[in-house]
Amino acid sequence: MASRRSEDDLSGDTTALVAGVAHEINNPITYVLANLADLERSCFALGETLIGYRAELRASCGAKAETRIADLESKLDECGGLALAAELLCDATEGAARIRDLVRDLLSLARVSERATAPLAISDVLEQTLRLVSRSLGARAELVRDFRATREICGDRARLGQVFLNLLQNAIDACASLPGRAHRITVRTLDRADGVRVEIADTGPGIPGELAERIFAPFFTTKPQGEGTGLGLYLSRRIIAEHGGTLELVRAPDGGTVFRVDLPARA
C-alpha cells in the first residue's frame, strides 16, 4: 500500500506552487505599472499640449477660435475628457500596486523558512527600520524610543526588519485613522531572563477584543477595503516563530495597540 505523503511534503509543494504563481504574476504586473506611469506622463503632456493649442488657435483665428475649440473639445468630452482619464489611471495604478503588494507578500510567505542568521543587536535592526518610515511616521505621530535591551540575539536582519516594518506601518496607519489628535508611537526594548523583548505601541483606535486572534490569520485585515493584503501580521508571526520567538497583541491600558515580540538571546 502506498504510504501517505507527509504534511511537510505537502507544505513544500504548496510553497513551491505559491512561489511559482507569484513569480509568474510579478513580471507582467511590473510591466503594467511601468506602462501606467508612462501613460500618466503622456496624459500630462497631452494636457499641456492642449493648453498651448488653445492659445495658438486664439492668436491665429481670433473670434472664430472659440467655436472651433468648442467643436473639437466636444469630441474629447464625449469620452469623459482628460479628467476622467486621470481618474481611471489613478484607479488602475492603485489596483496594480495592490496586486504587486500581494505578490510581494506571497513571495515572502514562500521564502519564510529561508534564514541567514547572525548575531544582532535588536536596536540596530529597529533603527534601520525606523529610518525607512521616518517621513510617514513623523507626519502622523511623535516617536518615542525607549531602548534598554543590551543582550544580542541571533537572527536574520532582513526578515526581522520586515516584521518591524509591518508593525510600524500598522501603527502609523492606526494613528492616521484618528486624525485631529496628537498621536504617539513608542518603540521599547528590554532584556528578559531568556532573551529580548520589543514592544511597538500606538495611540490609535485599538483592536476590538474579538479580533485579537483573527488579525494573525492570512488575508484578514481591519483596514478599509483596498488597503493592505492581510498577510503582514501572519507573515510576521511566522518569521518570529522561525526565530524561536513569539509575536502577540497585548491590551494597552490607555487604549491603542501594543504588539509584543519576544526573541531568545544569543546562546
C-alpha atoms as a PDB file:
ATOM      1  CA  MET A   1       0.000   0.000   0.000  1.00  0.00           C
ATOM      2  CA  ALA A   2       1.360   3.394  -0.943  1.00  0.00           C
ATOM      3  CA  SER A   3       2.412   5.430   2.052  1.00  0.00           C
ATOM      4  CA  ARG A   4       0.714   8.752   2.747  1.00  0.00           C
ATOM      5  CA  ARG A   5       2.767  11.815   1.962  1.00  0.00           C
ATOM      6  CA  SER A   6       3.818  13.779   5.000  1.00  0.00           C
ATOM      7  CA  GLU A   7       2.339  17.155   5.866  1.00  0.00           C
ATOM      8  CA  ASP A   8       5.792  18.670   5.344  1.00  0.00           C
ATOM      9  CA  ASP A   9       5.908  17.310   1.789  1.00  0.00           C
ATOM     10  CA  LEU A  10       2.508  18.787   1.028  1.00  0.00           C
ATOM     11  CA  SER A  11       3.529  22.054   2.632  1.00  0.00           C
ATOM     12  CA  GLY A  12       6.637  22.113   0.453  1.00  0.00           C
ATOM     13  CA  ASP A  13       4.560  21.529  -2.680  1.00  0.00           C
ATOM     14  CA  THR A  14       2.187  24.330  -1.692  1.00  0.00           C
ATOM     15  CA  THR A  15       5.065  26.696  -1.016  1.00  0.00           C
ATOM     16  CA  ALA A  16       6.635  25.907  -4.386  1.00  0.00           C
ATOM     17  CA  LEU A  17       3.285  26.470  -6.103  1.00  0.00           C
ATOM     18  CA  VAL A  18       2.761  29.804  -4.333  1.00  0.00           C
ATOM     19  CA  ALA A  19       6.261  30.955  -5.271  1.00  0.00           C
ATOM     20  CA  GLY A  20       5.815  29.885  -8.888  1.00  0.00           C
ATOM     21  CA  VAL A  21       2.460  31.619  -9.307  1.00  0.00           C
ATOM     22  CA  ALA A  22       3.719  34.757  -7.572  1.00  0.00           C
ATOM     23  CA  HIS A  23       6.733  34.947  -9.892  1.00  0.00           C
ATOM     24  CA  GLU A  24       4.511  34.478 -12.938  1.00  0.00           C
ATOM     25  CA  ILE A  25       2.280  37.355 -11.810  1.00  0.00           C
ATOM     26  CA  ASN A  26       5.157  39.584 -10.731  1.00  0.00           C
ATOM     27  CA  ASN A  27       6.680  40.096 -14.182  1.00  0.00           C
ATOM     28  CA  PRO A  28       3.530  41.234 -16.035  1.00  0.00           C
ATOM     29  CA  ILE A  29       2.338  43.429 -13.156  1.00  0.00           C
ATOM     30  CA  THR A  30       5.725  45.174 -13.196  1.00  0.00           C
ATOM     31  CA  TYR A  31       5.203  45.928 -16.890  1.00  0.00           C
ATOM     32  CA  VAL A  32       1.656  47.129 -16.218  1.00  0.00           C
ATOM     33  CA  LEU A  33       2.813  49.558 -13.516  1.00  0.00           C
ATOM     34  CA  ALA A  34       5.629  50.868 -15.718  1.00  0.00           C
ATOM     35  CA  ASN A  35       3.255  51.377 -18.652  1.00  0.00           C
ATOM     36  CA  LEU A  36       0.701  53.117 -16.441  1.00  0.00           C
ATOM     37  CA  ALA A  37       3.413  55.501 -15.252  1.00  0.00           C
ATOM     38  CA  ASP A  38       4.329  56.244 -18.888  1.00  0.00           C
ATOM     39  CA  LEU A  39       0.662  56.733 -19.746  1.00  0.00           C
ATOM     40  CA  GLU A  40       0.266  59.163 -16.852  1.00  0.00           C
ATOM     41  CA  ARG A  41       3.171  61.214 -18.162  1.00  0.00           C
ATOM     42  CA  SER A  42       1.647  61.134 -21.648  1.00  0.00           C
ATOM     43  CA  CYS A  43      -1.693  62.391 -20.354  1.00  0.00           C
ATOM     44  CA  PHE A  44       0.046  65.236 -18.550  1.00  0.00           C
ATOM     45  CA  ALA A  45       1.932  66.144 -21.716  1.00  0.00           C
ATOM     46  CA  LEU A  46      -1.311  65.981 -23.698  1.00  0.00           C
ATOM     47  CA  GLY A  47      -2.960  68.363 -21.250  1.00  0.00           C
ATOM     48  CA  GLU A  48      -0.058  70.804 -21.576  1.00  0.00           C
ATOM     49  CA  THR A  49      -0.224  70.499 -25.374  1.00  0.00           C
ATOM     50  CA  LEU A  50      -3.944  71.294 -25.401  1.00  0.00           C
ATOM     51  CA  ILE A  51      -3.334  74.436 -23.360  1.00  0.00           C
ATOM     52  CA  GLY A  52      -0.759  75.573 -25.909  1.00  0.00           C
ATOM     53  CA  TYR A  53      -3.059  74.590 -28.771  1.00  0.00           C
ATOM     54  CA  ARG A  54      -5.893  76.738 -27.424  1.00  0.00           C
ATOM     55  CA  ALA A  55      -3.583  79.744 -27.043  1.00  0.00           C
ATOM     56  CA  GLU A  56      -2.198  79.399 -30.584  1.00  0.00           C
ATOM     57  CA  LEU A  57      -5.650  78.946 -32.091  1.00  0.00           C
ATOM     58  CA  ARG A  58      -6.967  82.054 -30.354  1.00  0.00           C
ATOM     59  CA  ALA A  59      -3.957  84.037 -31.572  1.00  0.00           C
ATOM     60  CA  SER A  60      -4.335  82.913 -35.184  1.00  0.00           C
ATOM     61  CA  CYS A  61      -8.122  82.708 -35.573  1.00  0.00           C
ATOM     62  CA  GLY A  62      -9.358  85.495 -33.357  1.00  0.00           C
ATOM     63  CA  ALA A  63     -13.099  85.405 -32.627  1.00  0.00           C
ATOM     64  CA  LYS A  64     -13.580  82.208 -34.645  1.00  0.00           C
ATOM     65  CA  ALA A  65     -11.259  80.324 -32.335  1.00  0.00           C
ATOM     66  CA  GLU A  66     -13.791  79.694 -29.554  1.00  0.00           C
ATOM     67  CA  THR A  67     -16.221  77.976 -31.882  1.00  0.00           C
ATOM     68  CA  ARG A  68     -13.504  75.741 -33.327  1.00  0.00           C
ATOM     69  CA  ILE A  69     -12.109  74.951 -29.876  1.00  0.00           C
ATOM     70  CA  ALA A  70     -15.563  74.085 -28.530  1.00  0.00           C
ATOM     71  CA  ASP A  71     -16.284  71.834 -31.513  1.00  0.00           C
ATOM     72  CA  LEU A  72     -13.027  69.920 -31.228  1.00  0.00           C
ATOM     73  CA  GLU A  73     -13.130  69.612 -27.437  1.00  0.00           C
ATOM     74  CA  SER A  74     -16.692  68.275 -27.535  1.00  0.00           C
ATOM     75  CA  LYS A  75     -15.253  65.140 -29.115  1.00  0.00           C
ATOM     76  CA  LEU A  76     -12.884  64.765 -26.176  1.00  0.00           C
ATOM     77  CA  ASP A  77     -15.704  65.395 -23.716  1.00  0.00           C
ATOM     78  CA  GLU A  78     -17.782  62.603 -25.298  1.00  0.00           C
ATOM     79  CA  CYS A  79     -15.345  60.057 -23.830  1.00  0.00           C
ATOM     80  CA  GLY A  80     -15.060  61.808 -20.480  1.00  0.00           C
ATOM     81  CA  GLY A  81     -12.188  64.188 -21.095  1.00  0.00           C
ATOM     82  CA  LEU A  82      -8.729  64.219 -19.555  1.00  0.00           C
ATOM     83  CA  ALA A  83     -10.125  64.426 -16.023  1.00  0.00           C
ATOM     84  CA  LEU A  84     -11.756  61.006 -16.432  1.00  0.00           C
ATOM     85  CA  ALA A  85      -8.577  59.625 -17.993  1.00  0.00           C
ATOM     86  CA  ALA A  86      -6.583  60.794 -14.982  1.00  0.00           C
ATOM     87  CA  GLU A  87      -9.110  59.232 -12.593  1.00  0.00           C
ATOM     88  CA  LEU A  88      -9.076  55.906 -14.449  1.00  0.00           C
ATOM     89  CA  LEU A  89      -5.279  55.935 -14.473  1.00  0.00           C
ATOM     90  CA  CYS A  90      -5.205  56.546 -10.727  1.00  0.00           C
ATOM     91  CA  ASP A  91      -7.624  53.661 -10.070  1.00  0.00           C
ATOM     92  CA  ALA A  92      -5.728  51.309 -12.378  1.00  0.00           C
ATOM     93  CA  THR A  93      -2.394  52.186 -10.783  1.00  0.00           C
ATOM     94  CA  GLU A  94      -3.794  51.647  -7.293  1.00  0.00           C
ATOM     95  CA  GLY A  95      -5.230  48.265  -8.294  1.00  0.00           C
ATOM     96  CA  ALA A  96      -1.986  47.157  -9.938  1.00  0.00           C
ATOM     97  CA  ALA A  97       0.017  48.293  -6.906  1.00  0.00           C
ATOM     98  CA  ARG A  98      -2.265  46.211  -4.682  1.00  0.00           C
ATOM     99  CA  ILE A  99      -1.566  43.151  -6.845  1.00  0.00           C
ATOM    100  CA  ARG A 100       2.163  43.919  -6.642  1.00  0.00           C
ATOM    101  CA  ASP A 101       1.996  44.135  -2.841  1.00  0.00           C
ATOM    102  CA  LEU A 102       0.072  40.862  -2.635  1.00  0.00           C
ATOM    103  CA  VAL A 103       2.670  39.155  -4.839  1.00  0.00           C
ATOM    104  CA  ARG A 104       5.440  40.549  -2.625  1.00  0.00           C
ATOM    105  CA  ASP A 105       3.781  39.098   0.467  1.00  0.00           C
ATOM    106  CA  LEU A 106       3.173  35.750  -1.237  1.00  0.00           C
ATOM    107  CA  LEU A 107       6.840  35.577  -2.180  1.00  0.00           C
ATOM    108  CA  SER A 108       7.736  36.402   1.422  1.00  0.00           C
ATOM    109  CA  LEU A 109       5.452  33.579   2.509  1.00  0.00           C
ATOM    110  CA  ALA A 110       7.269  31.169   0.200  1.00  0.00           C
ATOM    111  CA  ARG A 111      10.677  32.292   1.495  1.00  0.00           C
ATOM    112  CA  VAL A 112       9.749  32.336   5.161  1.00  0.00           C
ATOM    113  CA  SER A 113      11.870  29.292   6.024  1.00  0.00           C
ATOM    114  CA  GLU A 114      14.991  30.732   4.370  1.00  0.00           C
ATOM    115  CA  ARG A 115      17.098  32.435   7.022  1.00  0.00           C
ATOM    116  CA  ALA A 116      20.589  33.878   7.141  1.00  0.00           C
ATOM    117  CA  THR A 117      21.279  34.113  10.859  1.00  0.00           C
ATOM    118  CA  ALA A 118      23.960  36.224  12.506  1.00  0.00           C
ATOM    119  CA  PRO A 119      24.490  37.875  15.902  1.00  0.00           C
ATOM    120  CA  LEU A 120      22.418  41.067  16.078  1.00  0.00           C
ATOM    121  CA  ALA A 121      21.719  43.979  18.383  1.00  0.00           C
ATOM    122  CA  ILE A 122      17.959  44.449  18.186  1.00  0.00           C
ATOM    123  CA  SER A 123      18.295  48.226  18.482  1.00  0.00           C
ATOM    124  CA  ASP A 124      20.342  48.300  15.252  1.00  0.00           C
ATOM    125  CA  VAL A 125      17.589  46.492  13.356  1.00  0.00           C
ATOM    126  CA  LEU A 126      14.967  48.845  14.781  1.00  0.00           C
ATOM    127  CA  GLU A 127      16.960  51.971  13.966  1.00  0.00           C
ATOM    128  CA  GLN A 128      17.419  50.825  10.386  1.00  0.00           C
ATOM    129  CA  THR A 129      13.683  50.176  10.069  1.00  0.00           C
ATOM    130  CA  LEU A 130      12.752  53.488  11.681  1.00  0.00           C
ATOM    131  CA  ARG A 131      14.787  55.302   9.037  1.00  0.00           C
ATOM    132  CA  LEU A 132      12.633  53.693   6.346  1.00  0.00           C
ATOM    133  CA  VAL A 133       9.398  55.044   7.849  1.00  0.00           C
ATOM    134  CA  SER A 134      10.736  58.302   9.309  1.00  0.00           C
ATOM    135  CA  ARG A 135       8.896  60.562   6.878  1.00  0.00           C
ATOM    136  CA  SER A 136       5.457  58.929   7.130  1.00  0.00           C
ATOM    137  CA  LEU A 137       5.832  58.385  10.878  1.00  0.00           C
ATOM    138  CA  GLY A 138       6.841  61.998  11.531  1.00  0.00           C
ATOM    139  CA  ALA A 139       3.747  63.216   9.715  1.00  0.00           C
ATOM    140  CA  ARG A 140       1.417  61.097  11.870  1.00  0.00           C
ATOM    141  CA  ALA A 141       2.838  60.751  15.352  1.00  0.00           C
ATOM    142  CA  GLU A 142       5.575  61.588  17.810  1.00  0.00           C
ATOM    143  CA  LEU A 143       8.175  58.841  18.028  1.00  0.00           C
ATOM    144  CA  VAL A 144       9.338  57.736  21.473  1.00  0.00           C
ATOM    145  CA  ARG A 145      12.413  55.482  21.658  1.00  0.00           C
ATOM    146  CA  ASP A 146      12.981  53.509  24.838  1.00  0.00           C
ATOM    147  CA  PHE A 147      15.842  51.161  24.000  1.00  0.00           C
ATOM    148  CA  ARG A 148      17.066  49.330  27.098  1.00  0.00           C
ATOM    149  CA  ALA A 149      17.936  45.883  25.725  1.00  0.00           C
ATOM    150  CA  THR A 150      21.650  45.047  25.837  1.00  0.00           C
ATOM    151  CA  ARG A 151      21.620  41.335  25.014  1.00  0.00           C
ATOM    152  CA  GLU A 152      22.305  40.145  21.475  1.00  0.00           C
ATOM    153  CA  ILE A 153      20.042  37.824  19.544  1.00  0.00           C
ATOM    154  CA  CYS A 154      20.849  35.509  16.649  1.00  0.00           C
ATOM    155  CA  GLY A 155      18.647  36.182  13.653  1.00  0.00           C
ATOM    156  CA  ASP A 156      18.095  37.235  10.065  1.00  0.00           C
ATOM    157  CA  ARG A 157      18.399  41.026   9.898  1.00  0.00           C
ATOM    158  CA  ALA A 158      16.312  41.391   6.733  1.00  0.00           C
ATOM    159  CA  ARG A 159      13.493  39.127   7.924  1.00  0.00           C
ATOM    160  CA  LEU A 160      13.304  40.748  11.350  1.00  0.00           C
ATOM    161  CA  GLY A 161      13.375  44.141   9.674  1.00  0.00           C
ATOM    162  CA  GLN A 162      10.364  43.046   7.638  1.00  0.00           C
ATOM    163  CA  VAL A 163       8.500  42.212  10.853  1.00  0.00           C
ATOM    164  CA  PHE A 164       9.255  45.565  12.477  1.00  0.00           C
ATOM    165  CA  LEU A 165       8.413  47.400   9.256  1.00  0.00           C
ATOM    166  CA  ASN A 166       4.990  45.694   9.215  1.00  0.00           C
ATOM    167  CA  LEU A 167       4.347  46.546  12.864  1.00  0.00           C
ATOM    168  CA  LEU A 168       5.475  50.156  12.490  1.00  0.00           C
ATOM    169  CA  GLN A 169       3.414  50.657   9.338  1.00  0.00           C
ATOM    170  CA  ASN A 170       0.365  49.264  11.126  1.00  0.00           C
ATOM    171  CA  ALA A 171       0.978  51.708  13.984  1.00  0.00           C
ATOM    172  CA  ILE A 172       1.280  54.623  11.542  1.00  0.00           C
ATOM    173  CA  ASP A 173      -1.931  53.595   9.753  1.00  0.00           C
ATOM    174  CA  ALA A 174      -3.735  53.278  13.098  1.00  0.00           C
ATOM    175  CA  CYS A 175      -2.760  56.816  14.076  1.00  0.00           C
ATOM    176  CA  ALA A 176      -3.768  58.091  10.638  1.00  0.00           C
ATOM    177  CA  SER A 177      -7.244  56.598  11.110  1.00  0.00           C
ATOM    178  CA  LEU A 178      -7.865  59.034  14.006  1.00  0.00           C
ATOM    179  CA  PRO A 179      -6.947  62.444  12.552  1.00  0.00           C
ATOM    180  CA  GLY A 180      -7.030  65.634  14.559  1.00  0.00           C
ATOM    181  CA  ARG A 181      -5.333  64.125  17.607  1.00  0.00           C
ATOM    182  CA  ALA A 182      -1.769  64.231  18.869  1.00  0.00           C
ATOM    183  CA  HIS A 183      -0.508  60.668  18.494  1.00  0.00           C
ATOM    184  CA  ARG A 184       2.496  58.832  19.852  1.00  0.00           C
ATOM    185  CA  ILE A 185       4.257  55.670  18.699  1.00  0.00           C
ATOM    186  CA  THR A 186       6.547  54.101  21.288  1.00  0.00           C
ATOM    187  CA  VAL A 187       9.254  51.585  20.391  1.00  0.00           C
ATOM    188  CA  ARG A 188      10.564  49.876  23.506  1.00  0.00           C
ATOM    189  CA  THR A 189      13.175  47.157  24.073  1.00  0.00           C
ATOM    190  CA  LEU A 190      14.274  45.413  27.250  1.00  0.00           C
ATOM    191  CA  ASP A 191      16.249  42.422  28.393  1.00  0.00           C
ATOM    192  CA  ARG A 192      14.466  39.367  29.748  1.00  0.00           C
ATOM    193  CA  ALA A 193      15.831  36.358  31.593  1.00  0.00           C
ATOM    194  CA  ASP A 194      15.918  34.274  28.414  1.00  0.00           C
ATOM    195  CA  GLY A 195      16.001  36.868  25.676  1.00  0.00           C
ATOM    196  CA  VAL A 196      14.946  40.272  24.407  1.00  0.00           C
ATOM    197  CA  ARG A 197      11.519  41.902  24.240  1.00  0.00           C
ATOM    198  CA  VAL A 198      10.388  44.510  21.692  1.00  0.00           C
ATOM    199  CA  GLU A 199       7.123  46.426  22.061  1.00  0.00           C
ATOM    200  CA  ILE A 200       5.630  48.748  19.460  1.00  0.00           C
ATOM    201  CA  ALA A 201       2.723  50.748  20.855  1.00  0.00           C
ATOM    202  CA  ASP A 202       0.478  53.334  19.232  1.00  0.00           C
ATOM    203  CA  THR A 203      -2.328  55.640  20.372  1.00  0.00           C
ATOM    204  CA  GLY A 204      -4.687  54.713  17.546  1.00  0.00           C
ATOM    205  CA  PRO A 205      -8.203  53.296  17.959  1.00  0.00           C
ATOM    206  CA  GLY A 206      -7.034  49.875  19.143  1.00  0.00           C
ATOM    207  CA  ILE A 207      -8.254  46.449  18.048  1.00  0.00           C
ATOM    208  CA  PRO A 208     -11.500  45.012  19.457  1.00  0.00           C
ATOM    209  CA  GLY A 209     -11.007  42.017  21.712  1.00  0.00           C
ATOM    210  CA  GLU A 210     -12.978  39.677  19.454  1.00  0.00           C
ATOM    211  CA  LEU A 211     -10.490  40.342  16.631  1.00  0.00           C
ATOM    212  CA  ALA A 212      -7.364  39.824  18.739  1.00  0.00           C
ATOM    213  CA  GLU A 213      -6.539  36.391  17.287  1.00  0.00           C
ATOM    214  CA  ARG A 214      -8.145  36.822  13.876  1.00  0.00           C
ATOM    215  CA  ILE A 215      -5.702  39.587  12.967  1.00  0.00           C
ATOM    216  CA  PHE A 216      -2.957  36.958  12.632  1.00  0.00           C
ATOM    217  CA  ALA A 217      -4.968  34.894  10.143  1.00  0.00           C
ATOM    218  CA  PRO A 218      -3.865  35.065   6.494  1.00  0.00           C
ATOM    219  CA  PHE A 219      -5.755  37.610   4.359  1.00  0.00           C
ATOM    220  CA  PHE A 220      -7.603  39.068   7.358  1.00  0.00           C
ATOM    221  CA  THR A 221      -7.311  42.829   7.764  1.00  0.00           C
ATOM    222  CA  THR A 222      -9.067  45.560   9.719  1.00  0.00           C
ATOM    223  CA  LYS A 223      -8.043  48.171   7.164  1.00  0.00           C
ATOM    224  CA  PRO A 224     -10.524  49.626   4.664  1.00  0.00           C
ATOM    225  CA  GLN A 225     -11.181  47.634   1.513  1.00  0.00           C
ATOM    226  CA  GLY A 226      -8.338  48.016  -0.959  1.00  0.00           C
ATOM    227  CA  GLU A 227      -5.717  48.767   1.705  1.00  0.00           C
ATOM    228  CA  GLY A 228      -3.290  46.093   2.825  1.00  0.00           C
ATOM    229  CA  THR A 229      -3.057  42.456   1.787  1.00  0.00           C
ATOM    230  CA  GLY A 230      -3.941  40.855   5.117  1.00  0.00           C
ATOM    231  CA  LEU A 231      -0.677  38.904   5.115  1.00  0.00           C
ATOM    232  CA  GLY A 232       1.602  41.241   7.077  1.00  0.00           C
ATOM    233  CA  LEU A 233       0.840  40.033  10.598  1.00  0.00           C
ATOM    234  CA  TYR A 234       0.520  36.416   9.505  1.00  0.00           C
ATOM    235  CA  LEU A 235       3.962  36.542   7.904  1.00  0.00           C
ATOM    236  CA  SER A 236       5.404  38.456  10.856  1.00  0.00           C
ATOM    237  CA  ARG A 237       4.254  35.832  13.348  1.00  0.00           C
ATOM    238  CA  ARG A 238       5.695  33.047  11.180  1.00  0.00           C
ATOM    239  CA  ILE A 239       9.035  34.824  10.867  1.00  0.00           C
ATOM    240  CA  ILE A 240       9.262  35.355  14.630  1.00  0.00           C
ATOM    241  CA  ALA A 241       8.311  31.706  15.227  1.00  0.00           C
ATOM    242  CA  GLU A 242      11.108  30.670  12.842  1.00  0.00           C
ATOM    243  CA  HIS A 243      13.452  32.593  15.148  1.00  0.00           C
ATOM    244  CA  GLY A 244      12.159  30.686  18.182  1.00  0.00           C
ATOM    245  CA  GLY A 245      10.173  33.655  19.476  1.00  0.00           C
ATOM    246  CA  THR A 246       6.590  34.852  19.832  1.00  0.00           C
ATOM    247  CA  LEU A 247       4.549  37.763  18.494  1.00  0.00           C
ATOM    248  CA  GLU A 248       1.361  38.727  20.285  1.00  0.00           C
ATOM    249  CA  LEU A 249      -1.103  41.529  20.690  1.00  0.00           C
ATOM    250  CA  VAL A 250      -1.425  42.812  24.260  1.00  0.00           C
ATOM    251  CA  ARG A 251      -4.032  45.156  25.669  1.00  0.00           C
ATOM    252  CA  ALA A 252      -2.885  48.721  26.171  1.00  0.00           C
ATOM    253  CA  PRO A 253      -4.044  50.220  29.489  1.00  0.00           C
ATOM    254  CA  ASP A 254      -4.708  53.631  27.906  1.00  0.00           C
ATOM    255  CA  GLY A 255      -6.128  52.434  24.585  1.00  0.00           C
ATOM    256  CA  GLY A 256      -4.340  51.991  21.292  1.00  0.00           C
ATOM    257  CA  THR A 257      -2.465  48.864  20.287  1.00  0.00           C
ATOM    258  CA  VAL A 258       0.683  47.161  21.563  1.00  0.00           C
ATOM    259  CA  PHE A 259       2.453  44.397  19.657  1.00  0.00           C
ATOM    260  CA  ARG A 260       4.995  42.446  21.688  1.00  0.00           C
ATOM    261  CA  VAL A 261       7.858  40.440  20.206  1.00  0.00           C
ATOM    262  CA  ASP A 262       9.893  38.104  22.406  1.00  0.00           C
ATOM    263  CA  LEU A 263      13.087  36.648  20.954  1.00  0.00           C
ATOM    264  CA  PRO A 264      15.601  34.269  22.537  1.00  0.00           C
ATOM    265  CA  ALA A 265      19.007  35.667  23.404  1.00  0.00           C
ATOM    266  CA  ARG A 266      22.121  34.566  21.571  1.00  0.00           C
ATOM    267  CA  ALA A 267      23.450  31.379  23.094  1.00  0.00           C
END
